[in-house]
Amino acid sequence: MESDTVNNAVMRNDIGYIKRELVTINTKLDSNYVPRSEFIPVRNLVYGLVGLILTAFIGALATLVLKQ
């Protein structure tokens, strides 16, 4: 009977700790991370620029190979 009381107290303490940690995590997520809707345009821009650079590089290599 007493061990049940101790187990319940430990579980309540653990649940309280988990709730506090969830609040902390939610606060960090809200303030420190960029939402997906704001990240997608940046990602598309970077992918476009990288694709353009790689296309230019491959074109330059093809030009060098075909000239010889």
Protein backbone atom coordinates (compact mmCIF):
# COMPACT_ATOMS: atom_id res chain seq x y z
CA MET A 1 0.00 0.00 0.00
CA GLU A 2 2.75 2.42 0.91
CA SER A 3 4.72 1.57 -2.25
CA ASP A 4 1.64 2.54 -4.31
CA THR A 5 1.60 5.93 -2.59
CA VAL A 6 5.31 6.39 -3.27
CA ASN A 7 4.86 5.30 -6.91
CA ASN A 8 1.99 7.76 -7.34
CA ALA A 9 4.07 10.57 -5.87
CA VAL A 10 6.98 9.73 -8.16
CA MET A 11 4.68 9.60 -11.19
CA ARG A 12 3.11 12.96 -10.29
CA ASN A 13 6.57 14.47 -9.93
CA ASP A 14 7.65 13.01 -13.29
CA ILE A 15 4.49 14.23 -15.03
CA GLY A 16 5.04 17.72 -13.62
CA TYR A 17 8.63 17.67 -14.90
CA ILE A 18 7.47 16.52 -18.35
CA LYS A 19 4.88 19.31 -18.51
CA ARG A 20 7.50 21.93 -17.60
CA GLU A 21 9.87 20.56 -20.23
CA LEU A 22 7.13 20.63 -22.88
CA VAL A 23 6.51 24.30 -22.13
CA THR A 24 10.25 24.96 -22.50
CA ILE A 25 10.42 23.05 -25.79
CA ASN A 26 7.38 24.85 -27.18
CA THR A 27 8.89 28.22 -26.23
CA LYS A 28 12.15 27.33 -27.99
CA LEU A 29 10.30 26.11 -31.08
CA ASP A 30 8.27 29.32 -31.27
CA SER A 31 11.24 31.66 -30.87
CA ASN A 32 14.31 29.91 -32.32
CA TYR A 33 13.17 28.02 -35.40
CA VAL A 34 11.91 29.14 -38.79
CA PRO A 35 8.51 27.76 -39.77
CA ARG A 36 8.31 25.66 -42.90
CA SER A 37 6.20 28.25 -44.73
CA GLU A 38 9.00 30.84 -44.37
CA PHE A 39 11.76 28.38 -45.27
CA ILE A 40 10.35 27.08 -48.58
CA PRO A 41 11.05 30.27 -50.62
CA VAL A 42 14.63 30.39 -49.33
CA ARG A 43 15.12 26.72 -50.14
CA ASN A 44 13.77 27.21 -53.67
CA LEU A 45 16.09 30.17 -54.23
CA VAL A 46 19.14 28.25 -53.03
CA TYR A 47 18.27 25.17 -55.08
CA GLY A 48 17.76 27.35 -58.16
CA LEU A 49 21.12 29.08 -57.74
CA VAL A 50 22.94 25.80 -57.15
CA GLY A 51 21.28 24.31 -60.23
CA LEU A 52 22.30 27.32 -62.31
CA ILE A 53 25.91 27.13 -61.10
CA LEU A 54 26.12 23.39 -61.77
CA THR A 55 24.61 23.82 -65.22
CA ALA A 56 27.18 26.52 -66.04
CA PHE A 57 30.00 24.33 -64.74
CA ILE A 58 28.91 21.30 -66.74
CA GLY A 59 28.46 23.49 -69.82
CA ALA A 60 32.00 24.86 -69.40
CA LEU A 61 33.39 21.34 -69.04
CA ALA A 62 31.48 20.20 -72.12
CA THR A 63 32.88 23.17 -74.06
CA LEU A 64 36.43 22.30 -73.02
CA VAL A 65 35.99 18.65 -73.97
CA LEU A 66 34.36 19.40 -77.33
CA LYS A 67 37.02 21.95 -78.35
CA GLN A 68 39.77 19.34 -78.17
